Amino acid sequence: MTQPEQGDAGRGVAVVTGGSRGIGAACARLLARAGWTVCVTYRSNEAAAQEVVRECDAAARALGTPAGAAAVAADLADPAQIPGVFTAADRLGPLTVLVNNAGIVDRQMRVDEMTAGRLTRMFTVNTVSSILCAGEAVRRMSTRHGGAGGSIVNMSSAAARLGSPGLYVDYAASKGAIDTLTLGLAREVAGEGVRVNAVRPGIIATDIHISSGEPQRPARMAGSIPIGRAGTADEVAQAVAWLCSPAASYTTGAILDVAGGR
């Protein structure tokens, strides 16, 4: 896999949802180093989001381009907040990349223990917001709407093909919907200059495992991963950045596993 080269400035604006930590922050930093002006969303941790912005601006200055990264507060559990994210991004320049990264997991439990409230929030954040964000991106990127094309990368999960029984079947189902969104939307807009792909991370060492009630899960599960360890956020970001880059110009509708062989 060829990673985007540093020094290729002026690629437009990249929106990275959930970009204040973990995989989202890693994606934002790598895209900034590859020449995109980055707009990250965050729900509550403004300090972390602003640190990502500072790192992205430092990358822009290293490329000899004006610093212009931005952080936008948005709770994607509230669909009404989504248009404002893209209005803010419009002020930075033309949108050419969307990384649909924001997502949640919840405490491990069986389906017969889950509540409607849990399911509603899980699917609103993980699935509905991704579809709405994709729609906003298509309205800006598609040649049908006067755009110049672009790339959407959806964040799925290996859970989508494993099912996560006894853990979080609801999370797995919400990510399975992301796989279907990726395939359908890729075909819908392929003739309009927009590529749509997904990355399916496996067990990645980030703090999302705290939300599931098992922060040590990456270490515990290392023996079940053929490569023998959990992945890193930077390794996932490399795959995302490649899918966004011109090197992936003939790739659309792909779902790329970054799961250590699991």
C-alpha atoms as a PDB file:
ATOM      1  CA  MET A   1       0.000   0.000   0.000  1.00  0.00           C
ATOM      2  CA  THR A   2       1.407   3.381  -1.012  1.00  0.00           C
ATOM      3  CA  GLN A   3       0.766   6.031   1.597  1.00  0.00           C
ATOM      4  CA  PRO A   4       0.047   9.647   0.600  1.00  0.00           C
ATOM      5  CA  GLU A   5       3.256  11.551   0.129  1.00  0.00           C
ATOM      6  CA  GLN A   6       4.057  14.494   2.343  1.00  0.00           C
ATOM      7  CA  GLY A   7       4.313  17.773   0.512  1.00  0.00           C
ATOM      8  CA  ASP A   8       1.269  17.322  -1.737  1.00  0.00           C
ATOM      9  CA  ALA A   9      -0.490  20.444  -0.492  1.00  0.00           C
ATOM     10  CA  GLY A  10      -3.845  21.918  -1.455  1.00  0.00           C
ATOM     11  CA  ARG A  11      -6.011  18.822  -1.658  1.00  0.00           C
ATOM     12  CA  GLY A  12      -9.088  20.536  -0.268  1.00  0.00           C
ATOM     13  CA  VAL A  13     -10.943  20.001   2.988  1.00  0.00           C
ATOM     14  CA  ALA A  14     -11.340  16.726   4.876  1.00  0.00           C
ATOM     15  CA  VAL A  15     -14.064  16.355   7.493  1.00  0.00           C
ATOM     16  CA  VAL A  16     -13.242  13.706  10.108  1.00  0.00           C
ATOM     17  CA  THR A  17     -16.105  12.984  12.486  1.00  0.00           C
ATOM     18  CA  GLY A  18     -15.112  11.913  15.967  1.00  0.00           C
ATOM     19  CA  GLY A  19     -11.683  13.353  15.320  1.00  0.00           C
ATOM     20  CA  SER A  20     -10.572  14.306  18.815  1.00  0.00           C
ATOM     21  CA  ARG A  21      -9.205  10.924  19.869  1.00  0.00           C
ATOM     22  CA  GLY A  22      -8.224   7.435  18.803  1.00  0.00           C
ATOM     23  CA  ILE A  23      -8.639   6.457  15.165  1.00  0.00           C
ATOM     24  CA  GLY A  24     -10.268   9.764  14.217  1.00  0.00           C
ATOM     25  CA  ALA A  25      -7.392  11.835  15.584  1.00  0.00           C
ATOM     26  CA  ALA A  26      -4.875   9.589  13.831  1.00  0.00           C
ATOM     27  CA  CYS A  27      -6.756  10.028  10.544  1.00  0.00           C
ATOM     28  CA  ALA A  28      -6.869  13.801  10.971  1.00  0.00           C
ATOM     29  CA  ARG A  29      -3.135  14.053  11.611  1.00  0.00           C
ATOM     30  CA  LEU A  30      -2.209  11.841   8.656  1.00  0.00           C
ATOM     31  CA  LEU A  31      -4.547  13.621   6.238  1.00  0.00           C
ATOM     32  CA  ALA A  32      -3.107  16.976   7.321  1.00  0.00           C
ATOM     33  CA  ARG A  33       0.405  15.716   6.635  1.00  0.00           C
ATOM     34  CA  ALA A  34      -0.801  14.605   3.190  1.00  0.00           C
ATOM     35  CA  GLY A  35      -2.070  18.087   2.312  1.00  0.00           C
ATOM     36  CA  TRP A  36      -5.720  18.284   3.349  1.00  0.00           C
ATOM     37  CA  THR A  37      -7.169  21.080   5.469  1.00  0.00           C
ATOM     38  CA  VAL A  38      -8.845  19.151   8.261  1.00  0.00           C
ATOM     39  CA  CYS A  39     -12.093  19.821  10.097  1.00  0.00           C
ATOM     40  CA  VAL A  40     -12.681  17.479  13.047  1.00  0.00           C
ATOM     41  CA  THR A  41     -15.829  17.054  15.073  1.00  0.00           C
ATOM     42  CA  TYR A  42     -15.940  16.325  18.784  1.00  0.00           C
ATOM     43  CA  ARG A  43     -18.733  15.811  21.282  1.00  0.00           C
ATOM     44  CA  SER A  44     -17.329  17.056  24.603  1.00  0.00           C
ATOM     45  CA  ASN A  45     -13.525  17.032  24.823  1.00  0.00           C
ATOM     46  CA  GLU A  46     -12.676  20.425  23.348  1.00  0.00           C
ATOM     47  CA  ALA A  47      -9.121  20.378  24.709  1.00  0.00           C
ATOM     48  CA  ALA A  48      -8.317  17.133  22.903  1.00  0.00           C
ATOM     49  CA  ALA A  49      -9.887  18.421  19.682  1.00  0.00           C
ATOM     50  CA  GLN A  50      -7.894  21.640  19.830  1.00  0.00           C
ATOM     51  CA  GLU A  51      -4.692  19.650  20.322  1.00  0.00           C
ATOM     52  CA  VAL A  52      -5.477  17.747  17.127  1.00  0.00           C
ATOM     53  CA  VAL A  53      -6.074  21.077  15.375  1.00  0.00           C
ATOM     54  CA  ARG A  54      -2.683  22.348  16.555  1.00  0.00           C
ATOM     55  CA  GLU A  55      -1.001  19.219  15.218  1.00  0.00           C
ATOM     56  CA  CYS A  56      -2.791  19.558  11.877  1.00  0.00           C
ATOM     57  CA  ASP A  57      -1.813  23.217  11.611  1.00  0.00           C
ATOM     58  CA  ALA A  58       1.810  22.309  12.318  1.00  0.00           C
ATOM     59  CA  ALA A  59       1.626  19.813   9.453  1.00  0.00           C
ATOM     60  CA  ALA A  60       0.208  22.511   7.152  1.00  0.00           C
ATOM     61  CA  ARG A  61       3.030  24.903   8.016  1.00  0.00           C
ATOM     62  CA  ALA A  62       5.556  22.146   7.296  1.00  0.00           C
ATOM     63  CA  LEU A  63       4.025  21.888   3.813  1.00  0.00           C
ATOM     64  CA  GLY A  64       4.287  25.654   3.364  1.00  0.00           C
ATOM     65  CA  THR A  65       0.512  26.173   3.357  1.00  0.00           C
ATOM     66  CA  PRO A  66      -1.571  28.384   5.655  1.00  0.00           C
ATOM     67  CA  ALA A  67      -2.744  26.781   8.890  1.00  0.00           C
ATOM     68  CA  GLY A  68      -6.496  26.413   8.809  1.00  0.00           C
ATOM     69  CA  ALA A  69      -7.651  23.280  10.623  1.00  0.00           C
ATOM     70  CA  ALA A  70     -10.818  23.563  12.677  1.00  0.00           C
ATOM     71  CA  ALA A  71     -12.719  21.705  15.396  1.00  0.00           C
ATOM     72  CA  VAL A  72     -16.518  21.757  15.502  1.00  0.00           C
ATOM     73  CA  ALA A  73     -18.545  20.696  18.524  1.00  0.00           C
ATOM     74  CA  ALA A  74     -21.331  18.346  17.440  1.00  0.00           C
ATOM     75  CA  ASP A  75     -23.198  15.533  19.138  1.00  0.00           C
ATOM     76  CA  LEU A  76     -24.019  13.221  16.246  1.00  0.00           C
ATOM     77  CA  ALA A  77     -26.719  11.593  18.367  1.00  0.00           C
ATOM     78  CA  ASP A  78     -28.676  14.718  17.374  1.00  0.00           C
ATOM     79  CA  PRO A  79     -29.100  14.681  13.571  1.00  0.00           C
ATOM     80  CA  ALA A  80     -30.044  18.375  13.610  1.00  0.00           C
ATOM     81  CA  GLN A  81     -26.422  19.229  14.444  1.00  0.00           C
ATOM     82  CA  ILE A  82     -24.971  17.595  11.343  1.00  0.00           C
ATOM     83  CA  PRO A  83     -25.616  20.341   8.726  1.00  0.00           C
ATOM     84  CA  GLY A  84     -23.731  22.839  10.878  1.00  0.00           C
ATOM     85  CA  VAL A  85     -20.608  20.695  10.713  1.00  0.00           C
ATOM     86  CA  PHE A  86     -20.523  20.960   6.944  1.00  0.00           C
ATOM     87  CA  THR A  87     -21.400  24.651   6.940  1.00  0.00           C
ATOM     88  CA  ALA A  88     -18.327  25.191   9.125  1.00  0.00           C
ATOM     89  CA  ALA A  89     -16.217  23.063   6.795  1.00  0.00           C
ATOM     90  CA  ASP A  90     -17.426  25.083   3.790  1.00  0.00           C
ATOM     91  CA  ARG A  91     -15.683  28.119   5.250  1.00  0.00           C
ATOM     92  CA  LEU A  92     -12.341  26.294   4.989  1.00  0.00           C
ATOM     93  CA  GLY A  93     -12.591  25.496   1.295  1.00  0.00           C
ATOM     94  CA  PRO A  94     -14.033  22.849  -1.034  1.00  0.00           C
ATOM     95  CA  LEU A  95     -14.833  19.520   0.607  1.00  0.00           C
ATOM     96  CA  THR A  96     -13.020  16.603  -1.005  1.00  0.00           C
ATOM     97  CA  VAL A  97     -12.906  14.004   1.806  1.00  0.00           C
ATOM     98  CA  LEU A  98     -15.282  12.740   4.469  1.00  0.00           C
ATOM     99  CA  VAL A  99     -14.135  10.205   7.039  1.00  0.00           C
ATOM    100  CA  ASN A 100     -17.262   8.889   8.747  1.00  0.00           C
ATOM    101  CA  ASN A 101     -15.467   7.845  11.917  1.00  0.00           C
ATOM    102  CA  ALA A 102     -17.661   8.885  14.854  1.00  0.00           C
ATOM    103  CA  GLY A 103     -19.124   5.906  16.649  1.00  0.00           C
ATOM    104  CA  ILE A 104     -19.995   4.463  20.024  1.00  0.00           C
ATOM    105  CA  VAL A 105     -20.093   1.109  21.732  1.00  0.00           C
ATOM    106  CA  ASP A 106     -21.845   0.266  24.995  1.00  0.00           C
ATOM    107  CA  ARG A 107     -21.502  -2.148  27.871  1.00  0.00           C
ATOM    108  CA  GLN A 108     -21.219  -5.802  26.966  1.00  0.00           C
ATOM    109  CA  MET A 109     -24.555  -7.604  27.223  1.00  0.00           C
ATOM    110  CA  ARG A 110     -26.883 -10.025  25.492  1.00  0.00           C
ATOM    111  CA  VAL A 111     -29.616  -8.884  23.102  1.00  0.00           C
ATOM    112  CA  ASP A 112     -32.316  -9.950  25.572  1.00  0.00           C
ATOM    113  CA  GLU A 113     -30.910  -7.427  28.047  1.00  0.00           C
ATOM    114  CA  MET A 114     -30.820  -4.430  25.683  1.00  0.00           C
ATOM    115  CA  THR A 115     -33.208  -1.498  25.911  1.00  0.00           C
ATOM    116  CA  ALA A 116     -34.832   0.517  23.155  1.00  0.00           C
ATOM    117  CA  GLY A 117     -32.945   3.581  24.383  1.00  0.00           C
ATOM    118  CA  ARG A 118     -29.595   1.866  23.966  1.00  0.00           C
ATOM    119  CA  LEU A 119     -30.475   0.625  20.486  1.00  0.00           C
ATOM    120  CA  THR A 120     -31.774   4.012  19.351  1.00  0.00           C
ATOM    121  CA  ARG A 121     -28.610   5.802  20.411  1.00  0.00           C
ATOM    122  CA  MET A 122     -26.350   3.086  18.952  1.00  0.00           C
ATOM    123  CA  PHE A 123     -27.952   3.223  15.520  1.00  0.00           C
ATOM    124  CA  THR A 124     -28.395   6.991  15.488  1.00  0.00           C
ATOM    125  CA  VAL A 125     -24.712   7.647  16.163  1.00  0.00           C
ATOM    126  CA  ASN A 126     -23.177   4.740  14.259  1.00  0.00           C
ATOM    127  CA  THR A 127     -25.513   4.437  11.275  1.00  0.00           C
ATOM    128  CA  VAL A 128     -27.981   7.297  10.830  1.00  0.00           C
ATOM    129  CA  SER A 129     -25.357  10.012  11.347  1.00  0.00           C
ATOM    130  CA  SER A 130     -23.043   8.331   8.844  1.00  0.00           C
ATOM    131  CA  ILE A 131     -25.778   8.287   6.195  1.00  0.00           C
ATOM    132  CA  LEU A 132     -26.665  11.928   6.854  1.00  0.00           C
ATOM    133  CA  CYS A 133     -23.017  13.000   6.764  1.00  0.00           C
ATOM    134  CA  ALA A 134     -22.543  11.101   3.518  1.00  0.00           C
ATOM    135  CA  GLY A 135     -25.529  12.930   2.054  1.00  0.00           C
ATOM    136  CA  GLU A 136     -24.025  16.289   3.025  1.00  0.00           C
ATOM    137  CA  ALA A 137     -20.732  15.255   1.427  1.00  0.00           C
ATOM    138  CA  VAL A 138     -22.344  14.068  -1.794  1.00  0.00           C
ATOM    139  CA  ARG A 139     -24.212  17.370  -2.154  1.00  0.00           C
ATOM    140  CA  ARG A 140     -20.829  19.102  -2.107  1.00  0.00           C
ATOM    141  CA  MET A 141     -18.598  16.639  -3.982  1.00  0.00           C
ATOM    142  CA  SER A 142     -20.824  15.147  -6.682  1.00  0.00           C
ATOM    143  CA  THR A 143     -20.513  16.479 -10.215  1.00  0.00           C
ATOM    144  CA  ARG A 144     -24.294  16.170 -10.339  1.00  0.00           C
ATOM    145  CA  HIS A 145     -24.402  19.013  -7.812  1.00  0.00           C
ATOM    146  CA  GLY A 146     -21.585  21.031  -9.379  1.00  0.00           C
ATOM    147  CA  GLY A 147     -18.792  19.521  -7.285  1.00  0.00           C
ATOM    148  CA  ALA A 148     -15.402  18.324  -8.428  1.00  0.00           C
ATOM    149  CA  GLY A 149     -15.513  14.839  -6.892  1.00  0.00           C
ATOM    150  CA  GLY A 150     -14.104  13.401  -3.706  1.00  0.00           C
ATOM    151  CA  SER A 151     -13.796  10.427  -1.406  1.00  0.00           C
ATOM    152  CA  ILE A 152     -15.901   9.111   1.466  1.00  0.00           C
ATOM    153  CA  VAL A 153     -14.436   6.556   3.859  1.00  0.00           C
ATOM    154  CA  ASN A 154     -16.816   4.907   6.309  1.00  0.00           C
ATOM    155  CA  MET A 155     -15.569   3.336   9.519  1.00  0.00           C
ATOM    156  CA  SER A 156     -16.996  -0.144   9.846  1.00  0.00           C
ATOM    157  CA  SER A 157     -15.720  -2.857  12.186  1.00  0.00           C
ATOM    158  CA  ALA A 158     -14.692  -6.488  12.058  1.00  0.00           C
ATOM    159  CA  ALA A 159     -17.679  -6.938  14.378  1.00  0.00           C
ATOM    160  CA  ALA A 160     -19.866  -6.545  11.282  1.00  0.00           C
ATOM    161  CA  ARG A 161     -18.721  -9.949  10.000  1.00  0.00           C
ATOM    162  CA  LEU A 162     -18.150 -11.627  13.409  1.00  0.00           C
ATOM    163  CA  GLY A 163     -21.489 -10.655  14.993  1.00  0.00           C
ATOM    164  CA  SER A 164     -20.044 -10.120  18.508  1.00  0.00           C
ATOM    165  CA  PRO A 165     -22.371 -12.614  20.265  1.00  0.00           C
ATOM    166  CA  GLY A 166     -22.667 -12.073  24.000  1.00  0.00           C
ATOM    167  CA  LEU A 167     -20.839  -8.755  23.715  1.00  0.00           C
ATOM    168  CA  TYR A 168     -22.622  -6.164  21.575  1.00  0.00           C
ATOM    169  CA  VAL A 169     -24.653  -7.605  18.735  1.00  0.00           C
ATOM    170  CA  ASP A 170     -26.268  -4.175  18.369  1.00  0.00           C
ATOM    171  CA  TYR A 171     -22.900  -2.552  17.662  1.00  0.00           C
ATOM    172  CA  ALA A 172     -22.084  -5.292  15.134  1.00  0.00           C
ATOM    173  CA  ALA A 173     -25.441  -4.757  13.422  1.00  0.00           C
ATOM    174  CA  SER A 174     -24.926  -1.003  13.248  1.00  0.00           C
ATOM    175  CA  LYS A 175     -21.580  -1.586  11.546  1.00  0.00           C
ATOM    176  CA  GLY A 176     -23.070  -4.192   9.213  1.00  0.00           C
ATOM    177  CA  ALA A 177     -25.361  -1.418   8.012  1.00  0.00           C
ATOM    178  CA  ILE A 178     -22.264   0.682   7.308  1.00  0.00           C
ATOM    179  CA  ASP A 179     -20.957  -2.051   5.012  1.00  0.00           C
ATOM    180  CA  THR A 180     -24.227  -2.020   3.066  1.00  0.00           C
ATOM    181  CA  LEU A 181     -24.229   1.787   2.943  1.00  0.00           C
ATOM    182  CA  THR A 182     -20.723   1.675   1.497  1.00  0.00           C
ATOM    183  CA  LEU A 183     -21.615  -0.778  -1.263  1.00  0.00           C
ATOM    184  CA  GLY A 184     -24.847   0.938  -2.247  1.00  0.00           C
ATOM    185  CA  LEU A 185     -23.630   4.521  -2.136  1.00  0.00           C
ATOM    186  CA  ALA A 186     -20.435   3.640  -4.001  1.00  0.00           C
ATOM    187  CA  ARG A 187     -22.514   2.381  -6.920  1.00  0.00           C
ATOM    188  CA  GLU A 188     -24.949   5.278  -6.670  1.00  0.00           C
ATOM    189  CA  VAL A 189     -22.335   8.013  -7.066  1.00  0.00           C
ATOM    190  CA  ALA A 190     -19.521   6.259  -8.946  1.00  0.00           C
ATOM    191  CA  GLY A 191     -20.397   8.157 -12.121  1.00  0.00           C
ATOM    192  CA  GLU A 192     -20.408  11.475 -10.276  1.00  0.00           C
ATOM    193  CA  GLY A 193     -16.759  11.599  -9.273  1.00  0.00           C
ATOM    194  CA  VAL A 194     -17.274  10.342  -5.724  1.00  0.00           C
ATOM    195  CA  ARG A 195     -15.597   7.205  -4.407  1.00  0.00           C
ATOM    196  CA  VAL A 196     -16.996   5.457  -1.320  1.00  0.00           C
ATOM    197  CA  ASN A 197     -15.089   2.843   0.643  1.00  0.00           C
ATOM    198  CA  ALA A 198     -14.948   1.466   4.171  1.00  0.00           C
ATOM    199  CA  VAL A 199     -12.296   0.311   6.582  1.00  0.00           C
ATOM    200  CA  ARG A 200     -13.081  -2.531   8.994  1.00  0.00           C
ATOM    201  CA  PRO A 201     -10.730  -2.335  11.988  1.00  0.00           C
ATOM    202  CA  GLY A 202     -10.296  -5.339  14.223  1.00  0.00           C
ATOM    203  CA  ILE A 203      -9.176  -5.051  17.823  1.00  0.00           C
ATOM    204  CA  ILE A 204      -7.435  -1.699  18.037  1.00  0.00           C
ATOM    205  CA  ALA A 205      -5.775  -0.337  21.172  1.00  0.00           C
ATOM    206  CA  THR A 206      -7.909   2.754  21.806  1.00  0.00           C
ATOM    207  CA  ASP A 207     -10.036   3.921  24.704  1.00  0.00           C
ATOM    208  CA  ILE A 208     -13.302   2.806  23.059  1.00  0.00           C
ATOM    209  CA  HIS A 209     -12.895  -0.410  25.050  1.00  0.00           C
ATOM    210  CA  ILE A 210     -13.494   1.567  28.235  1.00  0.00           C
ATOM    211  CA  SER A 211     -17.066   2.190  27.044  1.00  0.00           C
ATOM    212  CA  SER A 212     -17.637  -1.539  26.681  1.00  0.00           C
ATOM    213  CA  GLY A 213     -16.525  -2.126  30.263  1.00  0.00           C
ATOM    214  CA  GLU A 214     -13.367  -4.027  29.326  1.00  0.00           C
ATOM    215  CA  PRO A 215     -10.420  -1.635  28.888  1.00  0.00           C
ATOM    216  CA  GLN A 216      -7.936  -4.539  28.859  1.00  0.00           C
ATOM    217  CA  ARG A 217      -9.654  -6.306  25.948  1.00  0.00           C
ATOM    218  CA  PRO A 218      -6.900  -5.549  23.380  1.00  0.00           C
ATOM    219  CA  ALA A 219      -4.285  -7.230  25.585  1.00  0.00           C
ATOM    220  CA  ARG A 220      -6.603 -10.112  26.519  1.00  0.00           C
ATOM    221  CA  MET A 221      -7.513 -10.845  22.897  1.00  0.00           C
ATOM    222  CA  ALA A 222      -3.992 -10.606  21.460  1.00  0.00           C
ATOM    223  CA  GLY A 223      -3.616 -14.391  21.413  1.00  0.00           C
ATOM    224  CA  SER A 224      -6.673 -14.766  19.167  1.00  0.00           C
ATOM    225  CA  ILE A 225      -5.254 -12.451  16.495  1.00  0.00           C
ATOM    226  CA  PRO A 226      -3.081 -14.206  13.896  1.00  0.00           C
ATOM    227  CA  ILE A 227      -0.555 -11.358  13.902  1.00  0.00           C
ATOM    228  CA  GLY A 228      -0.394 -11.743  17.678  1.00  0.00           C
ATOM    229  CA  ARG A 229      -1.232  -8.248  18.854  1.00  0.00           C
ATOM    230  CA  ALA A 230      -3.839  -5.527  18.771  1.00  0.00           C
ATOM    231  CA  GLY A 231      -3.574  -2.882  16.087  1.00  0.00           C
ATOM    232  CA  THR A 232      -2.916   0.809  16.496  1.00  0.00           C
ATOM    233  CA  ALA A 233      -4.941   3.829  15.487  1.00  0.00           C
ATOM    234  CA  ASP A 234      -2.131   4.909  13.171  1.00  0.00           C
ATOM    235  CA  GLU A 235      -2.306   1.594  11.292  1.00  0.00           C
ATOM    236  CA  VAL A 236      -6.013   2.139  10.628  1.00  0.00           C
ATOM    237  CA  ALA A 237      -5.352   5.747   9.595  1.00  0.00           C
ATOM    238  CA  GLN A 238      -2.832   4.576   6.990  1.00  0.00           C
ATOM    239  CA  ALA A 239      -5.568   2.560   5.293  1.00  0.00           C
ATOM    240  CA  VAL A 240      -8.001   5.476   5.445  1.00  0.00           C
ATOM    241  CA  ALA A 241      -5.474   7.914   4.001  1.00  0.00           C
ATOM    242  CA  TRP A 242      -4.676   5.565   1.128  1.00  0.00           C
ATOM    243  CA  LEU A 243      -8.362   5.230   0.245  1.00  0.00           C
ATOM    244  CA  CYS A 244      -8.646   9.037   0.223  1.00  0.00           C
ATOM    245  CA  SER A 245      -5.596   9.489  -1.988  1.00  0.00           C
ATOM    246  CA  PRO A 246      -5.207   9.529  -5.788  1.00  0.00           C
ATOM    247  CA  ALA A 247      -3.371   6.207  -5.427  1.00  0.00           C
ATOM    248  CA  ALA A 248      -6.808   4.643  -4.812  1.00  0.00           C
ATOM    249  CA  SER A 249      -8.461   6.357  -7.781  1.00  0.00           C
ATOM    250  CA  TYR A 250      -9.896   3.083  -9.167  1.00  0.00           C
ATOM    251  CA  THR A 251     -11.063   1.797  -5.790  1.00  0.00           C
ATOM    252  CA  THR A 252     -14.690   2.255  -4.809  1.00  0.00           C
ATOM    253  CA  GLY A 253     -17.147   0.005  -3.003  1.00  0.00           C
ATOM    254  CA  ALA A 254     -14.253  -1.705  -1.216  1.00  0.00           C
ATOM    255  CA  ILE A 255     -14.325  -2.804   2.416  1.00  0.00           C
ATOM    256  CA  LEU A 256     -10.770  -3.059   3.675  1.00  0.00           C
ATOM    257  CA  ASP A 257     -10.077  -5.207   6.721  1.00  0.00           C
ATOM    258  CA  VAL A 258      -7.377  -3.901   9.064  1.00  0.00           C
ATOM    259  CA  ALA A 259      -7.688  -6.648  11.621  1.00  0.00           C
ATOM    260  CA  GLY A 260      -4.417  -8.549  11.872  1.00  0.00           C
ATOM    261  CA  GLY A 261      -5.901 -11.539  10.075  1.00  0.00           C
ATOM    262  CA  ARG A 262      -8.769 -12.029  12.543  1.00  0.00           C
END
